[in-house]
C-alpha atoms as a PDB file:
ATOM      1  CA  UNK A   1       0.000   0.000   0.000  1.00  0.00           C
ATOM      2  CA  UNK A   2       1.344   3.418  -0.929  1.00  0.00           C
ATOM      3  CA  UNK A   3       2.018   5.995   1.788  1.00  0.00           C
ATOM      4  CA  UNK A   4      -0.768   8.238   0.475  1.00  0.00           C
ATOM      5  CA  UNK A   5      -3.238   5.358   0.478  1.00  0.00           C
ATOM      6  CA  UNK A   6      -2.161   4.257   3.964  1.00  0.00           C
ATOM      7  CA  UNK A   7      -2.627   7.749   5.431  1.00  0.00           C
ATOM      8  CA  UNK A   8      -6.004   8.160   3.738  1.00  0.00           C
ATOM      9  CA  UNK A   9      -7.210   4.982   5.443  1.00  0.00           C
ATOM     10  CA  UNK A  10      -6.166   6.029   8.956  1.00  0.00           C
ATOM     11  CA  UNK A  11      -8.400   7.615  11.566  1.00  0.00           C
ATOM     12  CA  UNK A  12      -8.049  11.101  12.990  1.00  0.00           C
ATOM     13  CA  UNK A  13      -5.132  11.148  15.416  1.00  0.00           C
ATOM     14  CA  UNK A  14      -3.905   7.664  14.540  1.00  0.00           C
ATOM     15  CA  UNK A  15      -0.119   7.496  14.598  1.00  0.00           C
ATOM     16  CA  UNK A  16       2.890   5.414  15.569  1.00  0.00           C
ATOM     17  CA  UNK A  17       4.592   8.429  17.108  1.00  0.00           C
ATOM     18  CA  UNK A  18       5.444   8.057  20.795  1.00  0.00           C
ATOM     19  CA  UNK A  19       6.085  11.714  21.577  1.00  0.00           C
ATOM     20  CA  UNK A  20       3.481  14.257  22.733  1.00  0.00           C
ATOM     21  CA  UNK A  21       2.705  15.404  19.187  1.00  0.00           C
ATOM     22  CA  UNK A  22      -0.552  17.002  20.373  1.00  0.00           C
ATOM     23  CA  UNK A  23       1.214  19.457  22.717  1.00  0.00           C
ATOM     24  CA  UNK A  24       2.222  21.935  20.011  1.00  0.00           C
ATOM     25  CA  UNK A  25      -1.210  22.307  18.340  1.00  0.00           C
ATOM     26  CA  UNK A  26      -2.857  22.451  21.780  1.00  0.00           C
ATOM     27  CA  UNK A  27      -0.513  25.228  22.919  1.00  0.00           C
ATOM     28  CA  UNK A  28      -1.009  27.055  19.620  1.00  0.00           C
ATOM     29  CA  UNK A  29      -4.791  26.929  19.929  1.00  0.00           C
ATOM     30  CA  UNK A  30      -4.616  28.150  23.529  1.00  0.00           C
ATOM     31  CA  UNK A  31      -2.359  31.127  22.804  1.00  0.00           C
ATOM     32  CA  UNK A  32      -4.199  32.178  19.640  1.00  0.00           C
ATOM     33  CA  UNK A  33      -7.569  31.910  21.369  1.00  0.00           C
ATOM     34  CA  UNK A  34      -6.444  33.950  24.372  1.00  0.00           C
ATOM     35  CA  UNK A  35      -4.903  36.585  22.111  1.00  0.00           C
ATOM     36  CA  UNK A  36      -8.025  36.709  19.945  1.00  0.00           C
ATOM     37  CA  UNK A  37     -10.287  37.177  22.968  1.00  0.00           C
ATOM     38  CA  UNK A  38      -8.098  39.889  24.465  1.00  0.00           C
ATOM     39  CA  UNK A  39      -7.586  41.718  21.158  1.00  0.00           C
ATOM     40  CA  UNK A  40     -11.324  41.677  20.443  1.00  0.00           C
ATOM     41  CA  UNK A  41     -12.142  43.024  23.900  1.00  0.00           C
ATOM     42  CA  UNK A  42      -9.432  45.705  23.785  1.00  0.00           C
ATOM     43  CA  UNK A  43     -10.326  46.795  20.266  1.00  0.00           C
ATOM     44  CA  UNK A  44     -14.035  47.228  20.961  1.00  0.00           C
ATOM     45  CA  UNK A  45     -13.477  49.054  24.260  1.00  0.00           C
ATOM     46  CA  UNK A  46     -12.592  52.320  22.549  1.00  0.00           C
ATOM     47  CA  UNK A  47     -11.044  53.859  25.689  1.00  0.00           C
ATOM     48  CA  UNK A  48      -7.796  53.924  27.699  1.00  0.00           C
ATOM     49  CA  UNK A  49      -5.742  53.406  24.544  1.00  0.00           C
ATOM     50  CA  UNK A  50      -3.623  56.540  24.990  1.00  0.00           C
ATOM     51  CA  UNK A  51      -1.654  58.082  27.846  1.00  0.00           C
ATOM     52  CA  UNK A  52       0.800  60.936  27.557  1.00  0.00           C
ATOM     53  CA  UNK A  53       3.088  60.162  24.613  1.00  0.00           C
ATOM     54  CA  UNK A  54       1.988  56.508  24.503  1.00  0.00           C
ATOM     55  CA  UNK A  55      -0.489  55.138  21.963  1.00  0.00           C
ATOM     56  CA  UNK A  56      -1.617  51.520  21.921  1.00  0.00           C
ATOM     57  CA  UNK A  57      -0.485  49.645  18.775  1.00  0.00           C
ATOM     58  CA  UNK A  58      -4.056  48.345  18.471  1.00  0.00           C
ATOM     59  CA  UNK A  59      -5.170  51.913  17.739  1.00  0.00           C
ATOM     60  CA  UNK A  60      -2.316  53.151  15.559  1.00  0.00           C
ATOM     61  CA  UNK A  61      -2.727  55.067  13.326  1.00  0.00           C
ATOM     62  CA  UNK A  62      -5.422  56.757  15.401  1.00  0.00           C
ATOM     63  CA  UNK A  63      -8.292  57.686  13.100  1.00  0.00           C
ATOM     64  CA  UNK A  64     -11.047  59.734  14.721  1.00  0.00           C
ATOM     65  CA  UNK A  65     -14.097  60.655  12.672  1.00  0.00           C
ATOM     66  CA  UNK A  66     -17.232  62.468  13.785  1.00  0.00           C
ATOM     67  CA  UNK A  67     -20.202  60.172  13.623  1.00  0.00           C
ATOM     68  CA  UNK A  68     -18.187  56.932  13.704  1.00  0.00           C
ATOM     69  CA  UNK A  69     -20.112  54.905  16.317  1.00  0.00           C
ATOM     70  CA  UNK A  70     -17.538  52.189  17.005  1.00  0.00           C
ATOM     71  CA  UNK A  71     -14.040  52.046  18.403  1.00  0.00           C
ATOM     72  CA  UNK A  72     -11.401  53.689  16.160  1.00  0.00           C
ATOM     73  CA  UNK A  73      -9.418  50.447  16.301  1.00  0.00           C
ATOM     74  CA  UNK A  74     -11.997  48.794  14.050  1.00  0.00           C
ATOM     75  CA  UNK A  75     -10.958  51.119  11.228  1.00  0.00           C
ATOM     76  CA  UNK A  76      -7.386  49.860  11.067  1.00  0.00           C
ATOM     77  CA  UNK A  77      -7.032  46.439  12.714  1.00  0.00           C
ATOM     78  CA  UNK A  78      -8.229  44.552   9.626  1.00  0.00           C
ATOM     79  CA  UNK A  79      -4.821  45.249   8.025  1.00  0.00           C
ATOM     80  CA  UNK A  80      -2.489  43.677  10.640  1.00  0.00           C
ATOM     81  CA  UNK A  81      -5.065  40.947  11.227  1.00  0.00           C
ATOM     82  CA  UNK A  82      -5.087  40.123   7.517  1.00  0.00           C
ATOM     83  CA  UNK A  83      -1.294  40.046   7.442  1.00  0.00           C
ATOM     84  CA  UNK A  84      -1.078  37.554  10.290  1.00  0.00           C
ATOM     85  CA  UNK A  85      -4.057  35.449   9.205  1.00  0.00           C
ATOM     86  CA  UNK A  86      -2.565  34.899   5.738  1.00  0.00           C
ATOM     87  CA  UNK A  87       1.026  34.480   7.005  1.00  0.00           C
ATOM     88  CA  UNK A  88       2.644  31.256   5.757  1.00  0.00           C
ATOM     89  CA  UNK A  89       3.717  30.233   9.256  1.00  0.00           C
ATOM     90  CA  UNK A  90       0.395  31.049  10.932  1.00  0.00           C
ATOM     91  CA  UNK A  91      -1.487  29.095   8.273  1.00  0.00           C
ATOM     92  CA  UNK A  92       0.405  25.955   9.258  1.00  0.00           C
ATOM     93  CA  UNK A  93      -0.099  26.753  12.942  1.00  0.00           C
ATOM     94  CA  UNK A  94      -3.846  27.308  12.945  1.00  0.00           C
ATOM     95  CA  UNK A  95      -4.640  24.696  10.281  1.00  0.00           C
ATOM     96  CA  UNK A  96      -3.185  22.140  12.687  1.00  0.00           C
ATOM     97  CA  UNK A  97      -4.460  23.690  15.906  1.00  0.00           C
ATOM     98  CA  UNK A  98      -8.064  24.417  14.931  1.00  0.00           C
ATOM     99  CA  UNK A  99      -8.831  22.212  11.949  1.00  0.00           C
ATOM    100  CA  UNK A 100      -6.479  19.246  12.583  1.00  0.00           C
ATOM    101  CA  UNK A 101      -5.530  19.541   8.934  1.00  0.00           C
ATOM    102  CA  UNK A 102      -3.205  17.774   9.422  1.00  0.00           C
ATOM    103  CA  UNK A 103      -2.933  17.337  13.207  1.00  0.00           C
ATOM    104  CA  UNK A 104       0.859  16.882  12.938  1.00  0.00           C
ATOM    105  CA  UNK A 105       3.470  15.142  10.812  1.00  0.00           C
ATOM    106  CA  UNK A 106       2.775  11.396  10.431  1.00  0.00           C
ATOM    107  CA  UNK A 107      -0.545  11.692  12.285  1.00  0.00           C
ATOM    108  CA  UNK A 108      -3.764  10.526  10.661  1.00  0.00           C
ATOM    109  CA  UNK A 109      -6.358  12.971   9.386  1.00  0.00           C
ATOM    110  CA  UNK A 110     -10.103  12.475   9.297  1.00  0.00           C
ATOM    111  CA  UNK A 111     -11.319   9.705   7.016  1.00  0.00           C
ATOM    112  CA  UNK A 112     -11.764  10.548   3.357  1.00  0.00           C
ATOM    113  CA  UNK A 113      -9.622  13.681   3.570  1.00  0.00           C
ATOM    114  CA  UNK A 114      -8.097  14.626   0.215  1.00  0.00           C
ATOM    115  CA  UNK A 115      -5.454  17.320   0.028  1.00  0.00           C
ATOM    116  CA  UNK A 116      -6.379  20.070  -2.430  1.00  0.00           C
ATOM    117  CA  UNK A 117      -4.008  22.785  -1.331  1.00  0.00           C
ATOM    118  CA  UNK A 118      -5.225  26.379  -1.351  1.00  0.00           C
ATOM    119  CA  UNK A 119      -6.626  26.354  -4.865  1.00  0.00           C
ATOM    120  CA  UNK A 120     -10.322  26.874  -4.179  1.00  0.00           C
ATOM    121  CA  UNK A 121     -12.533  29.215  -2.171  1.00  0.00           C
ATOM    122  CA  UNK A 122     -12.099  30.226   0.604  1.00  0.00           C
ATOM    123  CA  UNK A 123      -8.449  29.166   1.032  1.00  0.00           C
ATOM    124  CA  UNK A 124      -7.444  30.679  -2.299  1.00  0.00           C
ATOM    125  CA  UNK A 125      -7.861  34.054  -0.586  1.00  0.00           C
ATOM    126  CA  UNK A 126      -4.669  33.270   1.336  1.00  0.00           C
ATOM    127  CA  UNK A 127      -2.841  34.341  -1.812  1.00  0.00           C
ATOM    128  CA  UNK A 128      -3.495  38.006  -1.001  1.00  0.00           C
ATOM    129  CA  UNK A 129      -0.811  37.785   1.706  1.00  0.00           C
ATOM    130  CA  UNK A 130       1.582  39.815  -0.437  1.00  0.00           C
ATOM    131  CA  UNK A 131      -0.825  42.753  -0.543  1.00  0.00           C
ATOM    132  CA  UNK A 132      -1.238  42.654   3.234  1.00  0.00           C
ATOM    133  CA  UNK A 133       2.564  42.699   3.413  1.00  0.00           C
ATOM    134  CA  UNK A 134       2.627  46.104   1.682  1.00  0.00           C
ATOM    135  CA  UNK A 135       0.187  47.418   4.283  1.00  0.00           C
ATOM    136  CA  UNK A 136       2.222  45.856   7.100  1.00  0.00           C
ATOM    137  CA  UNK A 137       5.346  47.689   5.913  1.00  0.00           C
ATOM    138  CA  UNK A 138       3.400  50.962   6.056  1.00  0.00           C
ATOM    139  CA  UNK A 139       2.186  50.148   9.564  1.00  0.00           C
ATOM    140  CA  UNK A 140       5.757  49.460  10.688  1.00  0.00           C
ATOM    141  CA  UNK A 141       6.741  53.009   9.699  1.00  0.00           C
ATOM    142  CA  UNK A 142       3.787  54.413  11.647  1.00  0.00           C
ATOM    143  CA  UNK A 143       4.606  52.318  14.715  1.00  0.00           C
ATOM    144  CA  UNK A 144       8.232  53.474  14.632  1.00  0.00           C
ATOM    145  CA  UNK A 145       6.967  57.060  14.674  1.00  0.00           C
ATOM    146  CA  UNK A 146       4.814  56.159  17.694  1.00  0.00           C
ATOM    147  CA  UNK A 147       7.815  54.569  19.417  1.00  0.00           C
ATOM    148  CA  UNK A 148       9.915  57.710  18.907  1.00  0.00           C
ATOM    149  CA  UNK A 149       7.078  59.866  20.210  1.00  0.00           C
ATOM    150  CA  UNK A 150       7.003  57.636  23.274  1.00  0.00           C
ATOM    151  CA  UNK A 151      10.280  59.270  24.339  1.00  0.00           C
ATOM    152  CA  UNK A 152       8.967  62.838  24.014  1.00  0.00           C
ATOM    153  CA  UNK A 153       7.204  64.091  27.134  1.00  0.00           C
ATOM    154  CA  UNK A 154       5.891  67.558  27.954  1.00  0.00           C
ATOM    155  CA  UNK A 155       9.239  68.519  29.450  1.00  0.00           C
ATOM    156  CA  UNK A 156      11.178  67.193  26.487  1.00  0.00           C
ATOM    157  CA  UNK A 157      13.068  63.946  25.963  1.00  0.00           C
ATOM    158  CA  UNK A 158      12.478  61.263  28.557  1.00  0.00           C
ATOM    159  CA  UNK A 159      12.450  57.537  29.074  1.00  0.00           C
ATOM    160  CA  UNK A 160       9.581  55.795  30.780  1.00  0.00           C
ATOM    161  CA  UNK A 161       8.795  52.115  31.083  1.00  0.00           C
ATOM    162  CA  UNK A 162       6.128  52.681  28.431  1.00  0.00           C
ATOM    163  CA  UNK A 163       8.776  54.131  26.100  1.00  0.00           C
ATOM    164  CA  UNK A 164      10.759  50.905  26.329  1.00  0.00           C
ATOM    165  CA  UNK A 165       7.634  48.774  25.983  1.00  0.00           C
ATOM    166  CA  UNK A 166       6.687  50.494  22.722  1.00  0.00           C
ATOM    167  CA  UNK A 167      10.258  50.310  21.451  1.00  0.00           C
ATOM    168  CA  UNK A 168      10.564  46.593  22.188  1.00  0.00           C
ATOM    169  CA  UNK A 169       7.209  45.983  20.535  1.00  0.00           C
ATOM    170  CA  UNK A 170       8.059  47.751  17.283  1.00  0.00           C
ATOM    171  CA  UNK A 171      11.458  46.017  17.115  1.00  0.00           C
ATOM    172  CA  UNK A 172       9.772  42.615  17.391  1.00  0.00           C
ATOM    173  CA  UNK A 173       7.070  43.593  14.894  1.00  0.00           C
ATOM    174  CA  UNK A 174       9.787  44.764  12.493  1.00  0.00           C
ATOM    175  CA  UNK A 175      11.662  41.471  12.827  1.00  0.00           C
ATOM    176  CA  UNK A 176       8.438  39.562  12.172  1.00  0.00           C
ATOM    177  CA  UNK A 177       7.554  41.686   9.137  1.00  0.00           C
ATOM    178  CA  UNK A 178      11.023  41.720   7.578  1.00  0.00           C
ATOM    179  CA  UNK A 179      11.449  37.965   8.051  1.00  0.00           C
ATOM    180  CA  UNK A 180       8.288  37.368   5.990  1.00  0.00           C
ATOM    181  CA  UNK A 181       8.492  34.570   3.409  1.00  0.00           C
ATOM    182  CA  UNK A 182       6.689  36.734   0.876  1.00  0.00           C
ATOM    183  CA  UNK A 183       9.132  39.623   1.289  1.00  0.00           C
ATOM    184  CA  UNK A 184      12.040  37.223   0.816  1.00  0.00           C
ATOM    185  CA  UNK A 185      10.458  36.013  -2.425  1.00  0.00           C
ATOM    186  CA  UNK A 186       9.804  39.552  -3.679  1.00  0.00           C
ATOM    187  CA  UNK A 187      13.408  40.605  -3.074  1.00  0.00           C
ATOM    188  CA  UNK A 188      15.062  37.632  -4.720  1.00  0.00           C
ATOM    189  CA  UNK A 189      13.247  34.353  -4.297  1.00  0.00           C
ATOM    190  CA  UNK A 190      11.913  34.428  -7.853  1.00  0.00           C
ATOM    191  CA  UNK A 191      15.361  34.847  -9.456  1.00  0.00           C
ATOM    192  CA  UNK A 192      17.454  32.039 -10.891  1.00  0.00           C
ATOM    193  CA  UNK A 193      20.479  34.271 -11.470  1.00  0.00           C
ATOM    194  CA  UNK A 194      21.231  37.348  -9.349  1.00  0.00           C
ATOM    195  CA  UNK A 195      24.207  38.384 -11.473  1.00  0.00           C
ATOM    196  CA  UNK A 196      21.985  38.419 -14.568  1.00  0.00           C
ATOM    197  CA  UNK A 197      19.633  41.058 -13.116  1.00  0.00           C
ATOM    198  CA  UNK A 198      19.965  44.785 -12.605  1.00  0.00           C
ATOM    199  CA  UNK A 199      21.148  45.552  -9.059  1.00  0.00           C
ATOM    200  CA  UNK A 200      21.666  41.803  -8.681  1.00  0.00           C
ATOM    201  CA  UNK A 201      24.427  42.092  -6.083  1.00  0.00           C
ATOM    202  CA  UNK A 202      22.383  44.485  -3.963  1.00  0.00           C
ATOM    203  CA  UNK A 203      19.305  42.271  -4.207  1.00  0.00           C
ATOM    204  CA  UNK A 204      21.366  39.220  -3.257  1.00  0.00           C
ATOM    205  CA  UNK A 205      22.701  41.009  -0.175  1.00  0.00           C
ATOM    206  CA  UNK A 206      19.207  42.037   0.931  1.00  0.00           C
ATOM    207  CA  UNK A 207      17.844  38.571   0.147  1.00  0.00           C
ATOM    208  CA  UNK A 208      20.611  36.985   2.244  1.00  0.00           C
ATOM    209  CA  UNK A 209      19.831  39.232   5.211  1.00  0.00           C
ATOM    210  CA  UNK A 210      16.114  38.474   4.981  1.00  0.00           C
ATOM    211  CA  UNK A 211      16.914  34.762   4.691  1.00  0.00           C
ATOM    212  CA  UNK A 212      18.773  34.922   8.018  1.00  0.00           C
ATOM    213  CA  UNK A 213      15.765  36.587   9.611  1.00  0.00           C
ATOM    214  CA  UNK A 214      13.411  34.132   7.937  1.00  0.00           C
ATOM    215  CA  UNK A 215      15.095  31.229   9.716  1.00  0.00           C
ATOM    216  CA  UNK A 216      13.612  32.585  12.983  1.00  0.00           C
ATOM    217  CA  UNK A 217      10.285  33.691  11.540  1.00  0.00           C
ATOM    218  CA  UNK A 218       8.334  31.444  13.915  1.00  0.00           C
ATOM    219  CA  UNK A 219      10.071  32.980  16.949  1.00  0.00           C
ATOM    220  CA  UNK A 220       9.353  36.508  15.732  1.00  0.00           C
ATOM    221  CA  UNK A 221       5.746  35.596  14.943  1.00  0.00           C
ATOM    222  CA  UNK A 222       5.022  34.499  18.510  1.00  0.00           C
ATOM    223  CA  UNK A 223       7.131  37.088  20.326  1.00  0.00           C
ATOM    224  CA  UNK A 224       5.588  39.973  18.355  1.00  0.00           C
ATOM    225  CA  UNK A 225       2.094  38.592  18.915  1.00  0.00           C
ATOM    226  CA  UNK A 226       2.678  38.616  22.672  1.00  0.00           C
ATOM    227  CA  UNK A 227       4.464  41.983  22.681  1.00  0.00           C
ATOM    228  CA  UNK A 228       1.669  43.822  20.868  1.00  0.00           C
ATOM    229  CA  UNK A 229      -0.866  42.540  23.412  1.00  0.00           C
ATOM    230  CA  UNK A 230       1.400  43.449  26.339  1.00  0.00           C
ATOM    231  CA  UNK A 231       1.998  46.935  24.900  1.00  0.00           C
ATOM    232  CA  UNK A 232      -1.740  47.559  24.704  1.00  0.00           C
ATOM    233  CA  UNK A 233      -2.269  46.123  28.198  1.00  0.00           C
ATOM    234  CA  UNK A 234       0.465  48.274  29.717  1.00  0.00           C
ATOM    235  CA  UNK A 235      -0.892  51.502  28.224  1.00  0.00           C
ATOM    236  CA  UNK A 236      -4.431  50.504  29.187  1.00  0.00           C
ATOM    237  CA  UNK A 237      -3.432  49.914  32.810  1.00  0.00           C
ATOM    238  CA  UNK A 238      -1.541  53.210  33.006  1.00  0.00           C
ATOM    239  CA  UNK A 239      -4.348  55.183  31.342  1.00  0.00           C
ATOM    240  CA  UNK A 240      -6.941  53.686  33.704  1.00  0.00           C
ATOM    241  CA  UNK A 241      -4.860  54.561  36.767  1.00  0.00           C
ATOM    242  CA  UNK A 242      -4.277  50.956  37.807  1.00  0.00           C
ATOM    243  CA  UNK A 243      -0.553  51.231  37.102  1.00  0.00           C
ATOM    244  CA  UNK A 244       1.963  54.044  37.386  1.00  0.00           C
ATOM    245  CA  UNK A 245       4.394  54.634  34.550  1.00  0.00           C
ATOM    246  CA  UNK A 246       7.884  54.837  36.011  1.00  0.00           C
ATOM    247  CA  UNK A 247      10.141  57.502  34.528  1.00  0.00           C
ATOM    248  CA  UNK A 248      13.653  56.156  34.176  1.00  0.00           C
ATOM    249  CA  UNK A 249      15.049  59.381  32.754  1.00  0.00           C
END
């Protein structure tokens, strides 16, 4: 019996693996669910998203329009959400965690499952990841501006805990964005010969740097996901008076 035929005849979760293969998808589902619940709550609150020079990344850029009845975060969060939801790494993560498709390597899927890739609706929409990447690059610029502003207080330059929180967050978000598989492909992944192209040496250098970042894309994906939630939480606690921002300088 061929390997494909053998796997198609197995039951969901059937495997000869002896390790805790289920731990990774279970942890992934837990973290993504907790983040989704918190992000939804924080985004719909529409308050305590700003304090002094600090602006929550969930609300940046801050768009305020007269007559808009909902939280301003709703106007902009679809862009970073779309970037993460269509991310090559996150697809693997949540396909396994939520849909058990597949549960893990060498673990049986549900009976009758036939792999069709992402060639039909709705999964074919994952191909718009590149366009969300362009938006993500724009958001990174905006968030860097916010991070710099986080060091400018009424009395001039200063350093608060919130300043460092926003800086750490945008650094991690930058590493996640610039380690993107799609960006690596745009820069040079589609070329067979760098020396045959205009600016080939420059493109090869950039492609090599992105490749190094790409090797840790999973790490940056999770660390930036956690940091953006913590940045919002910190500003929210300070703005609500539950926490005092400590000025270091």
